Amino acid sequence: MAARVIVNPPGEGGGRQVRTDGTILGTAYSLHDLSVFMARAGLEGLDELDELDVAMSPLVEWHGGGPEVWPATD
């Protein structure tokens, strides 16, 4: 079974913590950030996917809003 990627709800700074298998990959502020984290984690060749592919990936579990929820930071 492939690793699940958990994208937590936006924090106070607008970013969303991303983790997989209990390991924090980082704080994403956009789909681009999420795609970079997933590629660095070596998740099933995701280095070849664009942001839309990552947003629709069945590996990603969205908490507190889907792939369109990226609050602006000041």
PDB file of N, CA and C in Angstrom:
ATOM      1  N   MET A   1       0.836  -1.190   0.000  1.00  0.00           N
ATOM      2  CA  MET A   1       0.000   0.000   0.000  1.00  0.00           C
ATOM      3  C   MET A   1       0.880   1.253   0.000  1.00  0.00           C
ATOM      4  N   ALA A   2       0.532   2.216  -0.806  1.00  0.00           N
ATOM      5  CA  ALA A   2       1.305   3.454  -0.911  1.00  0.00           C
ATOM      6  C   ALA A   2       1.093   4.317   0.327  1.00  0.00           C
ATOM      7  N   ALA A   3       2.093   5.128   0.623  1.00  0.00           N
ATOM      8  CA  ALA A   3       2.005   6.040   1.752  1.00  0.00           C
ATOM      9  C   ALA A   3       0.903   7.063   1.518  1.00  0.00           C
ATOM     10  N   ARG A   4       0.208   7.418   2.587  1.00  0.00           N
ATOM     11  CA  ARG A   4      -0.790   8.482   2.516  1.00  0.00           C
ATOM     12  C   ARG A   4      -0.111   9.792   2.893  1.00  0.00           C
ATOM     13  N   VAL A   5      -0.459  10.836   2.193  1.00  0.00           N
ATOM     14  CA  VAL A   5       0.057  12.165   2.487  1.00  0.00           C
ATOM     15  C   VAL A   5      -1.069  12.948   3.142  1.00  0.00           C
ATOM     16  N   ILE A   6      -0.820  13.425   4.351  1.00  0.00           N
ATOM     17  CA  ILE A   6      -1.823  14.182   5.098  1.00  0.00           C
ATOM     18  C   ILE A   6      -1.482  15.657   4.981  1.00  0.00           C
ATOM     19  N   VAL A   7      -2.464  16.443   4.503  1.00  0.00           N
ATOM     20  CA  VAL A   7      -2.313  17.897   4.432  1.00  0.00           C
ATOM     21  C   VAL A   7      -3.250  18.472   5.490  1.00  0.00           C
ATOM     22  N   ASN A   8      -2.656  19.023   6.541  1.00  0.00           N
ATOM     23  CA  ASN A   8      -3.426  19.544   7.664  1.00  0.00           C
ATOM     24  C   ASN A   8      -4.094  20.875   7.320  1.00  0.00           C
ATOM     25  N   PRO A   9      -5.056  21.289   8.157  1.00  0.00           N
ATOM     26  CA  PRO A   9      -5.707  22.588   7.939  1.00  0.00           C
ATOM     27  C   PRO A   9      -4.682  23.722   7.991  1.00  0.00           C
ATOM     28  N   PRO A  10      -5.002  24.849   7.364  1.00  0.00           N
ATOM     29  CA  PRO A  10      -4.088  25.994   7.408  1.00  0.00           C
ATOM     30  C   PRO A  10      -3.829  26.436   8.843  1.00  0.00           C
ATOM     31  N   GLY A  11      -2.588  26.774   9.115  1.00  0.00           N
ATOM     32  CA  GLY A  11      -2.208  27.297  10.421  1.00  0.00           C
ATOM     33  C   GLY A  11      -2.348  28.807  10.444  1.00  0.00           C
ATOM     34  N   GLU A  12      -1.918  29.406  11.536  1.00  0.00           N
ATOM     35  CA  GLU A  12      -2.038  30.859  11.694  1.00  0.00           C
ATOM     36  C   GLU A  12      -1.270  31.624  10.622  1.00  0.00           C
ATOM     37  N   GLY A  13      -0.173  31.064  10.151  1.00  0.00           N
ATOM     38  CA  GLY A  13       0.620  31.738   9.128  1.00  0.00           C
ATOM     39  C   GLY A  13       0.153  31.453   7.713  1.00  0.00           C
ATOM     40  N   GLY A  14      -0.904  30.652   7.564  1.00  0.00           N
ATOM     41  CA  GLY A  14      -1.455  30.359   6.255  1.00  0.00           C
ATOM     42  C   GLY A  14      -0.952  29.066   5.639  1.00  0.00           C
ATOM     43  N   GLY A  15       0.171  28.556   6.131  1.00  0.00           N
ATOM     44  CA  GLY A  15       0.710  27.321   5.582  1.00  0.00           C
ATOM     45  C   GLY A  15      -0.005  26.096   6.118  1.00  0.00           C
ATOM     46  N   ARG A  16       0.165  24.985   5.416  1.00  0.00           N
ATOM     47  CA  ARG A  16      -0.457  23.718   5.803  1.00  0.00           C
ATOM     48  C   ARG A  16       0.633  22.680   6.015  1.00  0.00           C
ATOM     49  N   GLN A  17       0.696  22.138   7.230  1.00  0.00           N
ATOM     50  CA  GLN A  17       1.691  21.106   7.521  1.00  0.00           C
ATOM     51  C   GLN A  17       1.382  19.857   6.704  1.00  0.00           C
ATOM     52  N   VAL A  18       2.427  19.271   6.147  1.00  0.00           N
ATOM     53  CA  VAL A  18       2.298  18.084   5.309  1.00  0.00           C
ATOM     54  C   VAL A  18       3.112  16.968   5.956  1.00  0.00           C
ATOM     55  N   ARG A  19       2.489  15.790   6.079  1.00  0.00           N
ATOM     56  CA  ARG A  19       3.207  14.657   6.664  1.00  0.00           C
ATOM     57  C   ARG A  19       2.810  13.366   5.975  1.00  0.00           C
ATOM     58  N   THR A  20       3.670  12.388   6.110  1.00  0.00           N
ATOM     59  CA  THR A  20       3.389  11.059   5.601  1.00  0.00           C
ATOM     60  C   THR A  20       4.027  10.050   6.537  1.00  0.00           C
ATOM     61  N   ASP A  21       3.308   9.015   6.847  1.00  0.00           N
ATOM     62  CA  ASP A  21       3.802   7.963   7.753  1.00  0.00           C
ATOM     63  C   ASP A  21       4.410   8.526   9.025  1.00  0.00           C
ATOM     64  N   GLY A  22       3.798   9.567   9.583  1.00  0.00           N
ATOM     65  CA  GLY A  22       4.282  10.147  10.833  1.00  0.00           C
ATOM     66  C   GLY A  22       5.456  11.090  10.684  1.00  0.00           C
ATOM     67  N   THR A  23       5.958  11.271   9.481  1.00  0.00           N
ATOM     68  CA  THR A  23       7.086  12.160   9.234  1.00  0.00           C
ATOM     69  C   THR A  23       6.585  13.471   8.648  1.00  0.00           C
ATOM     70  N   ILE A  24       6.989  14.565   9.260  1.00  0.00           N
ATOM     71  CA  ILE A  24       6.609  15.884   8.730  1.00  0.00           C
ATOM     72  C   ILE A  24       7.501  16.195   7.544  1.00  0.00           C
ATOM     73  N   LEU A  25       6.865  16.460   6.397  1.00  0.00           N
ATOM     74  CA  LEU A  25       7.611  16.800   5.184  1.00  0.00           C
ATOM     75  C   LEU A  25       7.905  18.288   5.113  1.00  0.00           C
ATOM     76  N   GLY A  26       7.059  19.105   5.756  1.00  0.00           N
ATOM     77  CA  GLY A  26       7.252  20.545   5.749  1.00  0.00           C
ATOM     78  C   GLY A  26       5.927  21.269   5.815  1.00  0.00           C
ATOM     79  N   THR A  27       5.980  22.575   5.659  1.00  0.00           N
ATOM     80  CA  THR A  27       4.793  23.412   5.617  1.00  0.00           C
ATOM     81  C   THR A  27       4.630  23.934   4.200  1.00  0.00           C
ATOM     82  N   ALA A  28       3.514  23.585   3.593  1.00  0.00           N
ATOM     83  CA  ALA A  28       3.236  24.000   2.213  1.00  0.00           C
ATOM     84  C   ALA A  28       2.383  25.266   2.218  1.00  0.00           C
ATOM     85  N   TYR A  29       2.690  26.153   1.292  1.00  0.00           N
ATOM     86  CA  TYR A  29       1.926  27.384   1.120  1.00  0.00           C
ATOM     87  C   TYR A  29       1.225  27.408  -0.235  1.00  0.00           C
ATOM     88  N   SER A  30       1.396  26.303  -0.996  1.00  0.00           N
ATOM     89  CA  SER A  30       0.794  26.214  -2.324  1.00  0.00           C
ATOM     90  C   SER A  30       0.857  24.771  -2.801  1.00  0.00           C
ATOM     91  N   LEU A  31       0.153  24.490  -3.886  1.00  0.00           N
ATOM     92  CA  LEU A  31       0.229  23.163  -4.488  1.00  0.00           C
ATOM     93  C   LEU A  31       1.641  22.868  -4.980  1.00  0.00           C
ATOM     94  N   HIS A  32       2.328  23.901  -5.421  1.00  0.00           N
ATOM     95  CA  HIS A  32       3.715  23.700  -5.853  1.00  0.00           C
ATOM     96  C   HIS A  32       4.562  23.162  -4.705  1.00  0.00           C
ATOM     97  N   ASP A  33       4.448  23.792  -3.529  1.00  0.00           N
ATOM     98  CA  ASP A  33       5.194  23.320  -2.366  1.00  0.00           C
ATOM     99  C   ASP A  33       4.859  21.862  -2.073  1.00  0.00           C
ATOM    100  N   LEU A  34       3.571  21.535  -2.104  1.00  0.00           N
ATOM    101  CA  LEU A  34       3.143  20.164  -1.826  1.00  0.00           C
ATOM    102  C   LEU A  34       3.761  19.195  -2.833  1.00  0.00           C
ATOM    103  N   SER A  35       3.757  19.559  -4.110  1.00  0.00           N
ATOM    104  CA  SER A  35       4.323  18.673  -5.129  1.00  0.00           C
ATOM    105  C   SER A  35       5.820  18.475  -4.912  1.00  0.00           C
ATOM    106  N   VAL A  36       6.537  19.515  -4.482  1.00  0.00           N
ATOM    107  CA  VAL A  36       7.966  19.400  -4.209  1.00  0.00           C
ATOM    108  C   VAL A  36       8.203  18.461  -3.029  1.00  0.00           C
ATOM    109  N   PHE A  37       7.428  18.620  -1.952  1.00  0.00           N
ATOM    110  CA  PHE A  37       7.582  17.747  -0.785  1.00  0.00           C
ATOM    111  C   PHE A  37       7.344  16.292  -1.157  1.00  0.00           C
ATOM    112  N   MET A  38       6.312  16.051  -1.945  1.00  0.00           N
ATOM    113  CA  MET A  38       5.976  14.676  -2.319  1.00  0.00           C
ATOM    114  C   MET A  38       7.059  14.073  -3.210  1.00  0.00           C
ATOM    115  N   ALA A  39       7.594  14.868  -4.121  1.00  0.00           N
ATOM    116  CA  ALA A  39       8.662  14.376  -4.986  1.00  0.00           C
ATOM    117  C   ALA A  39       9.918  14.053  -4.175  1.00  0.00           C
ATOM    118  N   ARG A  40      10.263  14.936  -3.235  1.00  0.00           N
ATOM    119  CA  ARG A  40      11.448  14.717  -2.394  1.00  0.00           C
ATOM    120  C   ARG A  40      11.291  13.474  -1.529  1.00  0.00           C
ATOM    121  N   ALA A  41      10.043  13.167  -1.152  1.00  0.00           N
ATOM    122  CA  ALA A  41       9.779  11.986  -0.328  1.00  0.00           C
ATOM    123  C   ALA A  41       9.814  10.712  -1.178  1.00  0.00           C
ATOM    124  N   GLY A  42       9.911  10.874  -2.508  1.00  0.00           N
ATOM    125  CA  GLY A  42      10.013   9.722  -3.398  1.00  0.00           C
ATOM    126  C   GLY A  42       8.722   8.953  -3.561  1.00  0.00           C
ATOM    127  N   LEU A  43       7.603   9.631  -3.492  1.00  0.00           N
ATOM    128  CA  LEU A  43       6.310   8.965  -3.564  1.00  0.00           C
ATOM    129  C   LEU A  43       5.907   8.644  -4.996  1.00  0.00           C
ATOM    130  N   GLU A  44       6.040   7.407  -5.377  1.00  0.00           N
ATOM    131  CA  GLU A  44       5.560   6.843  -6.637  1.00  0.00           C
ATOM    132  C   GLU A  44       5.766   7.701  -7.872  1.00  0.00           C
ATOM    133  N   GLY A  45       6.964   8.153  -8.098  1.00  0.00           N
ATOM    134  CA  GLY A  45       7.267   8.897  -9.312  1.00  0.00           C
ATOM    135  C   GLY A  45       6.562  10.231  -9.426  1.00  0.00           C
ATOM    136  N   LEU A  46       6.178  10.823  -8.301  1.00  0.00           N
ATOM    137  CA  LEU A  46       5.448  12.088  -8.355  1.00  0.00           C
ATOM    138  C   LEU A  46       6.297  13.247  -8.842  1.00  0.00           C
ATOM    139  N   ASP A  47       7.598  13.012  -9.031  1.00  0.00           N
ATOM    140  CA  ASP A  47       8.444  14.076  -9.563  1.00  0.00           C
ATOM    141  C   ASP A  47       8.059  14.429 -10.995  1.00  0.00           C
ATOM    142  N   GLU A  48       7.291  13.551 -11.642  1.00  0.00           N
ATOM    143  CA  GLU A  48       6.875  13.795 -13.022  1.00  0.00           C
ATOM    144  C   GLU A  48       5.466  14.372 -13.127  1.00  0.00           C
ATOM    145  N   LEU A  49       4.787  14.554 -12.000  1.00  0.00           N
ATOM    146  CA  LEU A  49       3.411  15.052 -12.012  1.00  0.00           C
ATOM    147  C   LEU A  49       3.385  16.560 -11.831  1.00  0.00           C
ATOM    148  N   ASP A  50       2.391  17.193 -12.439  1.00  0.00           N
ATOM    149  CA  ASP A  50       2.255  18.620 -12.229  1.00  0.00           C
ATOM    150  C   ASP A  50       1.355  18.864 -11.016  1.00  0.00           C
ATOM    151  N   GLU A  51       1.126  20.134 -10.702  1.00  0.00           N
ATOM    152  CA  GLU A  51       0.361  20.491  -9.510  1.00  0.00           C
ATOM    153  C   GLU A  51      -1.072  19.961  -9.555  1.00  0.00           C
ATOM    154  N   LEU A  52      -1.691  19.960 -10.716  1.00  0.00           N
ATOM    155  CA  LEU A  52      -3.054  19.447 -10.822  1.00  0.00           C
ATOM    156  C   LEU A  52      -3.089  17.955 -10.526  1.00  0.00           C
ATOM    157  N   ASP A  53      -2.096  17.217 -11.023  1.00  0.00           N
ATOM    158  CA  ASP A  53      -2.017  15.786 -10.732  1.00  0.00           C
ATOM    159  C   ASP A  53      -1.887  15.547  -9.236  1.00  0.00           C
ATOM    160  N   VAL A  54      -1.063  16.347  -8.577  1.00  0.00           N
ATOM    161  CA  VAL A  54      -0.873  16.201  -7.132  1.00  0.00           C
ATOM    162  C   VAL A  54      -2.177  16.526  -6.403  1.00  0.00           C
ATOM    163  N   ALA A  55      -2.873  17.577  -6.826  1.00  0.00           N
ATOM    164  CA  ALA A  55      -4.131  17.964  -6.183  1.00  0.00           C
ATOM    165  C   ALA A  55      -5.167  16.856  -6.269  1.00  0.00           C
ATOM    166  N   MET A  56      -5.142  16.107  -7.357  1.00  0.00           N
ATOM    167  CA  MET A  56      -6.142  15.054  -7.575  1.00  0.00           C
ATOM    168  C   MET A  56      -5.651  13.663  -7.149  1.00  0.00           C
ATOM    169  N   SER A  57      -4.438  13.572  -6.641  1.00  0.00           N
ATOM    170  CA  SER A  57      -3.852  12.285  -6.287  1.00  0.00           C
ATOM    171  C   SER A  57      -4.646  11.588  -5.187  1.00  0.00           C
ATOM    172  N   PRO A  58      -4.914  10.309  -5.359  1.00  0.00           N
ATOM    173  CA  PRO A  58      -5.599   9.560  -4.298  1.00  0.00           C
ATOM    174  C   PRO A  58      -4.699   9.324  -3.083  1.00  0.00           C
ATOM    175  N   LEU A  59      -3.418   9.643  -3.190  1.00  0.00           N
ATOM    176  CA  LEU A  59      -2.507   9.506  -2.054  1.00  0.00           C
ATOM    177  C   LEU A  59      -2.697  10.608  -1.016  1.00  0.00           C
ATOM    178  N   VAL A  60      -3.317  11.726  -1.431  1.00  0.00           N
ATOM    179  CA  VAL A  60      -3.410  12.899  -0.566  1.00  0.00           C
ATOM    180  C   VAL A  60      -4.738  12.902   0.184  1.00  0.00           C
ATOM    181  N   GLU A  61      -4.634  13.099   1.490  1.00  0.00           N
ATOM    182  CA  GLU A  61      -5.805  13.222   2.359  1.00  0.00           C
ATOM    183  C   GLU A  61      -5.832  14.660   2.868  1.00  0.00           C
ATOM    184  N   TRP A  62      -6.861  15.387   2.459  1.00  0.00           N
ATOM    185  CA  TRP A  62      -6.980  16.806   2.784  1.00  0.00           C
ATOM    186  C   TRP A  62      -7.784  16.996   4.066  1.00  0.00           C
ATOM    187  N   HIS A  63      -7.242  17.763   5.007  1.00  0.00           N
ATOM    188  CA  HIS A  63      -7.940  18.089   6.246  1.00  0.00           C
ATOM    189  C   HIS A  63      -8.131  19.602   6.301  1.00  0.00           C
ATOM    190  N   GLY A  64      -9.330  20.042   6.638  1.00  0.00           N
ATOM    191  CA  GLY A  64      -9.568  21.474   6.787  1.00  0.00           C
ATOM    192  C   GLY A  64      -9.638  22.222   5.472  1.00  0.00           C
ATOM    193  N   GLY A  65     -10.055  21.572   4.421  1.00  0.00           N
ATOM    194  CA  GLY A  65     -10.171  22.193   3.109  1.00  0.00           C
ATOM    195  C   GLY A  65      -9.356  21.440   2.081  1.00  0.00           C
ATOM    196  N   GLY A  66      -9.801  21.502   0.858  1.00  0.00           N
ATOM    197  CA  GLY A  66      -9.168  20.770  -0.221  1.00  0.00           C
ATOM    198  C   GLY A  66      -8.000  21.511  -0.851  1.00  0.00           C
ATOM    199  N   PRO A  67      -7.628  21.085  -2.056  1.00  0.00           N
ATOM    200  CA  PRO A  67      -6.440  21.653  -2.707  1.00  0.00           C
ATOM    201  C   PRO A  67      -6.573  23.117  -3.100  1.00  0.00           C
ATOM    202  N   GLU A  68      -7.782  23.667  -3.017  1.00  0.00           N
ATOM    203  CA  GLU A  68      -7.966  25.074  -3.355  1.00  0.00           C
ATOM    204  C   GLU A  68      -7.783  25.989  -2.155  1.00  0.00           C
ATOM    205  N   VAL A  69      -7.591  25.441  -0.957  1.00  0.00           N
ATOM    206  CA  VAL A  69      -7.505  26.247   0.269  1.00  0.00           C
ATOM    207  C   VAL A  69      -6.046  26.514   0.622  1.00  0.00           C
ATOM    208  N   TRP A  70      -5.597  27.687   0.219  1.00  0.00           N
ATOM    209  CA  TRP A  70      -4.244  28.172   0.543  1.00  0.00           C
ATOM    210  C   TRP A  70      -4.378  29.631   0.939  1.00  0.00           C
ATOM    211  N   PRO A  71      -4.643  29.897   2.205  1.00  0.00           N
ATOM    212  CA  PRO A  71      -4.846  31.291   2.642  1.00  0.00           C
ATOM    213  C   PRO A  71      -3.645  32.167   2.306  1.00  0.00           C
ATOM    214  N   ALA A  72      -3.948  33.375   1.925  1.00  0.00           N
ATOM    215  CA  ALA A  72      -2.877  34.337   1.613  1.00  0.00           C
ATOM    216  C   ALA A  72      -2.130  34.702   2.889  1.00  0.00           C
ATOM    217  N   THR A  73      -0.840  34.898   2.757  1.00  0.00           N
ATOM    218  CA  THR A  73      -0.042  35.336   3.881  1.00  0.00           C
ATOM    219  C   THR A  73       0.269  36.806   3.718  1.00  0.00           C
ATOM    220  N   ASP A  74       0.366  37.498   4.824  1.00  0.00           N
ATOM    221  CA  ASP A  74       0.662  38.944   4.772  1.00  0.00           C
ATOM    222  C   ASP A  74       2.134  39.209   4.872  1.00  0.00           C
TER     223      ASP A  74
END
